[in-house]
Amino acid sequence: MTRHLFPKRLMTLAYSASLMLMMGYALWLYGMGNYQSLSIPAFLTLLLLAALLLHLGQTTKGYIAQVLLLVGTCLAVLNAICNYPYASTMWLGLPMASVFLLLPLWTALVLASLIGPLVWFALSHPPQPVSFLFGYMALLLLLALPRWEHARRRALLHATDPNDSDCDAYNIDTLKERLHNEYQRAAMLNRRLAVLVIHLPQLDMAEEQFGSRAKIALLNTLCSEVNARCRDHDVLGRAGEATFWLVLPDTSESGALLVRERLHYALSQCVLIETGQLEARIAACLPRKESFERYVHRLNARADALANG
C-alpha cells in the first residue's frame, strides 16, 4: 500500500456514510419483512463497522480498513446481481470506482480488469453486446487516468523537490550539490569551511516502539532547533536515515566547535513525550587538501563512527 491519498477526515466521512447507508438498507429490509435478504446487509453492516473502528484506531494499519471497505462494496454489488437476475450492468461501476480509490494504481487496474467480467459471466447473465466491452474498457481507462496523473505529478515533484520528504532539511542530492558548491567556493577564494555531522541514535528506536509519528516529531524537533540557531546561509541536509550534515560556510574549527556546543545544549533541553530528552551526537569535520569525493568519504566515516557510539 502506498501512502494514503485522502485526508483522514474525508476517509472517516466515507466510512461513516457507507455504514449508515448499509444500516439503513438493512433496517428497511427488516421493516418490509424481507427476512430472506436481510442476512447479507446485516453482515455487511458489521463489516463496515469494523472497518470504521480500524480506521479510527491509532495503532492499526490503514490498508486493513480499506480492504474491508472494498470487500463490503464488492459483496453488496454481488448480492444485488445475484438476487436480481436482470440487474443493470451499471452496478459494476461501483466496485470499479472503489478499487481505484482504495488500492494502488497497478493493483487496481489488474483487479478491475478481471473482477468485473468474471463476476458478470459467472452468474449466467445474458450475453452482452460488443459495445458493453468497449464501454467497460473506456470506464476502466477513465478511472485510471486521474490516478496515473496524480502518480506522475507526485514523481515529478519528488524529483524536483530539494527538501527531504520527512523533515525541513535538504535531501541527500541537494545537500551534496550545495556542499560541493561551498567546497569549490572555499578552495577558490581561500575561505574556511566546516561541516557538523549530527546523528540521532533515538530515531530507529522511536519508529520501532512508537511508530512513524514519533519519528517525524523527532526529526521536526531537530530541524527546528538547528535552523533557529544557525545563520541564513548555513545548510542543513539529511545525509542518511538518522544522519544530518550542517554545512557552515566561512567558519573556522573553533567556530564550528562553538556551534556544536550551542546545538548540544539546545537539543538537550528538548523533551519529547515518547522518547524523553532528545539525544544527539555531533562531530565537526573540516576539509583538508583533498578531493571532494575524499571529503565526502570522511564525512560518511564520521557518521558511521557516531552511529557506533
Protein backbone atom coordinates (compact mmCIF):
# COMPACT_ATOMS: atom_id res chain seq x y z
CA MET A 1 0.00 0.00 0.00
CA THR A 2 1.15 3.49 -0.73
CA ARG A 3 0.70 6.49 1.44
CA HIS A 4 -2.97 7.40 1.68
CA LEU A 5 -4.26 9.80 -0.98
CA PHE A 6 -7.00 11.44 1.09
CA PRO A 7 -7.11 13.23 4.46
CA LYS A 8 -8.23 11.15 7.40
CA ARG A 9 -11.36 13.26 7.96
CA LEU A 10 -12.53 12.66 4.40
CA MET A 11 -11.97 8.91 4.72
CA THR A 12 -13.77 8.91 8.07
CA LEU A 13 -16.74 10.54 6.36
CA ALA A 14 -16.63 7.90 3.61
CA TYR A 15 -16.56 5.01 6.11
CA SER A 16 -19.36 6.57 8.15
CA ALA A 17 -21.56 7.22 5.10
CA SER A 18 -21.07 3.64 3.88
CA LEU A 19 -22.01 2.30 7.29
CA MET A 20 -25.12 4.48 7.53
CA LEU A 21 -26.28 3.52 4.04
CA MET A 22 -25.89 -0.19 4.68
CA MET A 23 -27.52 0.07 8.09
CA GLY A 24 -30.44 1.98 6.61
CA TYR A 25 -30.82 -0.65 3.88
CA ALA A 26 -30.83 -3.45 6.46
CA LEU A 27 -33.41 -1.66 8.59
CA TRP A 28 -35.57 -1.08 5.51
CA LEU A 29 -35.49 -4.79 4.66
CA TYR A 30 -36.36 -5.61 8.24
CA GLY A 31 -39.26 -3.16 8.24
CA MET A 32 -40.57 -4.57 4.94
CA GLY A 33 -40.44 -8.12 6.35
CA ASN A 34 -37.97 -9.33 3.70
CA TYR A 35 -36.02 -11.51 6.12
CA GLN A 36 -34.53 -13.75 3.42
CA SER A 37 -32.47 -10.88 2.02
CA LEU A 38 -31.52 -9.46 5.43
CA SER A 39 -28.54 -11.67 6.26
CA ILE A 40 -26.03 -10.17 3.81
CA PRO A 41 -26.84 -6.49 4.56
CA ALA A 42 -26.63 -7.25 8.30
CA PHE A 43 -23.23 -8.92 7.81
CA LEU A 44 -22.03 -6.00 5.69
CA THR A 45 -23.15 -3.58 8.40
CA LEU A 46 -20.92 -5.36 10.93
CA LEU A 47 -18.08 -5.49 8.39
CA LEU A 48 -18.27 -1.75 7.69
CA LEU A 49 -18.48 -1.03 11.42
CA ALA A 50 -15.24 -2.97 11.91
CA ALA A 51 -13.65 -1.04 9.04
CA LEU A 52 -14.65 2.28 10.61
CA LEU A 53 -13.26 1.28 14.01
CA LEU A 54 -9.99 0.10 12.45
CA HIS A 55 -9.72 3.36 10.53
CA LEU A 56 -10.23 5.41 13.69
CA GLY A 57 -7.69 3.34 15.64
CA GLN A 58 -4.23 4.89 16.01
CA THR A 59 -2.19 1.66 16.10
CA THR A 60 -3.66 -0.29 13.16
CA LYS A 61 -2.55 -0.27 9.57
CA GLY A 62 -4.76 1.79 7.31
CA TYR A 63 -4.87 -0.75 4.49
CA ILE A 64 -6.85 -3.24 6.63
CA ALA A 65 -9.80 -0.86 6.85
CA GLN A 66 -9.51 -0.12 3.11
CA VAL A 67 -9.62 -3.82 2.23
CA LEU A 68 -12.66 -4.34 4.45
CA LEU A 69 -14.44 -1.44 2.79
CA LEU A 70 -13.59 -2.80 -0.64
CA VAL A 71 -14.79 -6.30 0.28
CA GLY A 72 -18.03 -4.85 1.63
CA THR A 73 -18.61 -2.92 -1.61
CA CYS A 74 -17.99 -5.99 -3.78
CA LEU A 75 -20.26 -8.17 -1.63
CA ALA A 76 -23.06 -5.59 -1.82
CA VAL A 77 -22.84 -5.47 -5.63
CA LEU A 78 -22.62 -9.26 -5.86
CA ASN A 79 -25.68 -9.58 -3.65
CA ALA A 80 -27.63 -7.18 -5.86
CA ILE A 81 -26.68 -9.02 -9.06
CA CYS A 82 -27.46 -12.46 -7.58
CA ASN A 83 -30.86 -11.51 -6.18
CA TYR A 84 -31.95 -9.64 -9.29
CA PRO A 85 -31.03 -11.56 -12.49
CA TYR A 86 -31.85 -8.59 -14.68
CA ALA A 87 -29.89 -6.05 -12.65
CA SER A 88 -28.28 -3.29 -14.66
CA THR A 89 -24.63 -3.52 -15.62
CA MET A 90 -24.19 -0.08 -14.06
CA TRP A 91 -23.74 -1.90 -10.73
CA LEU A 92 -20.26 -2.96 -11.90
CA GLY A 93 -19.12 0.67 -11.89
CA LEU A 94 -19.34 0.88 -8.09
CA PRO A 95 -16.64 -1.73 -7.25
CA MET A 96 -14.50 -0.40 -10.11
CA ALA A 97 -14.54 3.10 -8.66
CA SER A 98 -13.89 1.74 -5.16
CA VAL A 99 -10.90 -0.27 -6.37
CA PHE A 100 -9.25 2.80 -7.91
CA LEU A 101 -9.96 4.91 -4.83
CA LEU A 102 -8.68 2.42 -2.26
CA LEU A 103 -5.84 0.50 -3.93
CA PRO A 104 -2.57 1.42 -5.68
CA LEU A 105 -2.87 2.14 -9.39
CA TRP A 106 -1.48 -1.05 -10.93
CA THR A 107 -3.18 -3.34 -8.41
CA ALA A 108 -6.48 -1.56 -9.04
CA LEU A 109 -6.02 -1.78 -12.81
CA VAL A 110 -5.45 -5.54 -12.73
CA LEU A 111 -8.33 -6.25 -10.33
CA ALA A 112 -10.79 -4.02 -12.17
CA SER A 113 -9.86 -5.66 -15.48
CA LEU A 114 -10.55 -9.16 -14.16
CA ILE A 115 -13.22 -8.95 -11.48
CA GLY A 116 -16.00 -7.29 -13.48
CA PRO A 117 -16.10 -9.68 -16.47
CA LEU A 118 -15.56 -12.76 -14.30
CA VAL A 119 -18.40 -11.89 -11.94
CA TRP A 120 -20.80 -10.96 -14.71
CA PHE A 121 -20.23 -14.01 -16.93
CA ALA A 122 -20.04 -16.43 -13.98
CA LEU A 123 -23.61 -15.61 -12.93
CA SER A 124 -25.24 -16.83 -16.16
CA HIS A 125 -26.46 -13.42 -17.22
CA PRO A 126 -27.50 -12.92 -20.82
CA PRO A 127 -24.54 -12.16 -23.12
CA GLN A 128 -23.75 -8.52 -23.63
CA PRO A 129 -23.04 -6.86 -27.00
CA VAL A 130 -19.58 -5.83 -28.06
CA SER A 131 -20.39 -2.25 -27.13
CA PHE A 132 -20.59 -3.33 -23.49
CA LEU A 133 -16.96 -4.49 -23.61
CA PHE A 134 -15.81 -1.22 -25.17
CA GLY A 135 -17.79 0.77 -22.61
CA TYR A 136 -16.26 -1.25 -19.79
CA MET A 137 -12.74 -0.64 -21.08
CA ALA A 138 -13.45 3.06 -21.57
CA LEU A 139 -14.69 3.36 -17.98
CA LEU A 140 -11.61 1.47 -16.80
CA LEU A 141 -9.26 3.88 -18.54
CA LEU A 142 -11.19 6.93 -17.35
CA LEU A 143 -10.95 5.76 -13.75
CA ALA A 144 -7.23 5.00 -14.10
CA LEU A 145 -6.38 8.34 -15.72
CA PRO A 146 -6.68 10.56 -12.57
CA ARG A 147 -4.59 8.13 -10.51
CA TRP A 148 -1.95 7.93 -13.22
CA GLU A 149 -1.78 11.72 -13.48
CA HIS A 150 -1.54 12.01 -9.69
CA ALA A 151 1.32 9.49 -9.59
CA ARG A 152 3.11 11.30 -12.45
CA ARG A 153 2.85 14.68 -10.72
CA ARG A 154 3.99 13.21 -7.42
CA ALA A 155 7.02 11.60 -9.08
CA LEU A 156 7.86 14.89 -10.82
CA LEU A 157 7.52 16.80 -7.56
CA HIS A 158 9.73 14.27 -5.77
CA ALA A 159 12.36 14.54 -8.49
CA THR A 160 12.46 18.34 -8.40
CA ASP A 161 11.85 18.97 -4.69
CA PRO A 162 15.12 19.82 -2.91
CA ASN A 163 13.70 19.12 0.55
CA ASP A 164 13.57 15.85 2.41
CA SER A 165 10.17 14.14 2.45
CA ASP A 166 10.07 13.78 6.26
CA CYS A 167 11.54 16.99 7.67
CA ASP A 168 12.59 20.58 6.99
CA ALA A 169 16.03 19.78 5.59
CA TYR A 170 17.57 19.26 2.16
CA ASN A 171 17.62 15.78 0.69
CA ILE A 172 20.88 13.96 0.04
CA ASP A 173 21.23 15.01 -3.62
CA THR A 174 20.65 18.72 -2.96
CA LEU A 175 22.85 18.53 0.14
CA LYS A 176 25.80 17.13 -1.80
CA GLU A 177 25.31 19.71 -4.54
CA ARG A 178 25.27 22.61 -2.06
CA LEU A 179 28.26 21.16 -0.20
CA HIS A 180 30.15 20.77 -3.47
CA ASN A 181 29.48 24.42 -4.35
CA GLU A 182 30.66 25.60 -0.94
CA TYR A 183 33.71 23.34 -1.17
CA GLN A 184 34.70 24.81 -4.54
CA ARG A 185 34.00 28.34 -3.31
CA ALA A 186 36.19 27.85 -0.24
CA ALA A 187 39.03 26.41 -2.35
CA MET A 188 38.93 29.18 -4.98
CA LEU A 189 38.57 32.12 -2.58
CA ASN A 190 40.72 30.65 0.20
CA ARG A 191 37.78 30.71 2.60
CA ARG A 192 37.12 28.47 5.55
CA LEU A 193 34.50 25.72 5.59
CA ALA A 194 33.24 23.39 8.30
CA VAL A 195 30.61 20.67 8.47
CA LEU A 196 28.91 19.33 11.58
CA VAL A 197 27.84 15.68 11.39
CA ILE A 198 24.72 15.12 13.52
CA HIS A 199 23.45 11.66 14.40
CA LEU A 200 20.16 10.81 16.14
CA PRO A 201 20.57 7.45 17.94
CA GLN A 202 16.95 7.50 19.14
CA LEU A 203 15.41 7.58 15.67
CA ASP A 204 15.25 3.84 14.95
CA MET A 205 14.01 3.07 18.46
CA ALA A 206 11.32 5.75 18.23
CA GLU A 207 9.95 4.34 14.96
CA GLU A 208 10.01 0.73 16.15
CA GLN A 209 8.39 1.36 19.52
CA PHE A 210 6.10 4.34 18.90
CA GLY A 211 5.53 4.42 15.13
CA SER A 212 6.18 6.92 12.38
CA ARG A 213 4.56 9.82 14.25
CA ALA A 214 7.25 9.73 16.93
CA LYS A 215 9.93 9.55 14.23
CA ILE A 216 8.53 12.60 12.42
CA ALA A 217 8.27 14.51 15.72
CA LEU A 218 11.91 13.72 16.48
CA LEU A 219 13.08 14.88 13.04
CA ASN A 220 10.99 18.05 13.14
CA THR A 221 12.31 18.96 16.59
CA LEU A 222 15.90 18.57 15.46
CA CYS A 223 15.41 20.60 12.30
CA SER A 224 13.54 23.42 14.03
CA GLU A 225 16.15 23.74 16.78
CA VAL A 226 19.09 23.66 14.35
CA ASN A 227 17.52 26.12 11.89
CA ALA A 228 16.61 28.50 14.71
CA ARG A 229 20.24 28.69 15.91
CA CYS A 230 22.07 28.92 12.58
CA ARG A 231 22.70 31.63 10.04
CA ASP A 232 20.56 32.04 6.97
CA HIS A 233 23.28 30.79 4.62
CA ASP A 234 24.06 27.68 6.66
CA VAL A 235 22.83 24.49 5.02
CA LEU A 236 21.12 21.65 6.90
CA GLY A 237 20.59 18.42 4.98
CA ARG A 238 19.70 14.83 5.71
CA ALA A 239 22.58 12.60 4.66
CA GLY A 240 21.15 9.32 5.96
CA GLU A 241 18.25 7.81 7.83
CA ALA A 242 19.44 9.22 11.16
CA THR A 243 22.33 11.43 10.00
CA PHE A 244 22.37 15.14 9.14
CA TRP A 245 25.10 17.40 7.80
CA LEU A 246 25.18 21.06 8.81
CA VAL A 247 27.32 22.95 6.31
CA LEU A 248 28.88 26.09 7.84
CA PRO A 249 30.47 28.37 5.23
CA ASP A 250 33.14 30.86 6.37
CA THR A 251 33.53 29.03 9.68
CA SER A 252 36.76 28.01 11.34
CA GLU A 253 37.29 24.95 13.51
CA SER A 254 36.82 26.96 16.72
CA GLY A 255 33.62 28.46 15.33
CA ALA A 256 32.32 25.00 14.41
CA LEU A 257 33.05 23.75 17.93
CA LEU A 258 31.14 26.71 19.38
CA VAL A 259 28.16 25.90 17.17
CA ARG A 260 28.38 22.27 18.22
CA GLU A 261 28.25 23.16 21.91
CA ARG A 262 25.37 25.55 21.32
CA LEU A 263 23.41 22.86 19.50
CA HIS A 264 24.25 20.27 22.17
CA TYR A 265 22.80 22.50 24.85
CA ALA A 266 19.70 23.48 22.85
CA LEU A 267 18.87 19.89 21.84
CA SER A 268 19.39 18.58 25.37
CA GLN A 269 16.63 20.95 26.54
CA CYS A 270 14.10 19.36 24.16
CA VAL A 271 11.92 16.68 25.77
CA LEU A 272 9.51 14.60 23.72
CA ILE A 273 6.63 12.59 25.17
CA GLU A 274 7.62 9.25 23.62
CA THR A 275 11.44 9.35 23.73
CA GLY A 276 12.13 11.76 26.57
CA GLN A 277 15.16 14.04 26.34
CA LEU A 278 16.44 14.38 22.80
CA GLU A 279 19.88 12.84 22.34
CA ALA A 280 22.17 13.96 19.52
CA ARG A 281 25.77 13.09 18.73
CA ILE A 282 27.61 15.89 16.92
CA ALA A 283 31.11 15.97 15.49
CA ALA A 284 32.96 18.58 13.42
CA CYS A 285 34.71 17.65 10.18
CA LEU A 286 36.79 20.21 8.27
CA PRO A 287 38.14 19.75 4.72
CA ARG A 288 41.81 19.23 4.11
CA LYS A 289 43.83 19.45 0.94
CA GLU A 290 41.91 16.62 -0.67
CA SER A 291 39.35 15.94 -3.38
CA PHE A 292 35.66 16.48 -2.76
CA GLU A 293 34.96 12.73 -3.05
CA ARG A 294 37.55 12.03 -0.36
CA TYR A 295 35.97 14.66 1.90
CA VAL A 296 32.51 13.12 1.46
CA HIS A 297 34.01 9.74 2.30
CA ARG A 298 35.41 11.16 5.54
CA LEU A 299 32.01 12.66 6.40
CA ASN A 300 30.36 9.27 5.92
CA ALA A 301 33.04 7.60 8.02
CA ARG A 302 32.50 10.15 10.78
CA ALA A 303 28.74 9.45 10.63
CA ASP A 304 29.38 5.70 10.95
CA ALA A 305 31.63 6.32 13.95
CA LEU A 306 28.91 8.39 15.64
CA ALA A 307 26.33 5.69 14.92
CA ASN A 308 28.53 3.04 16.53
CA GLY A 309 28.93 5.19 19.64
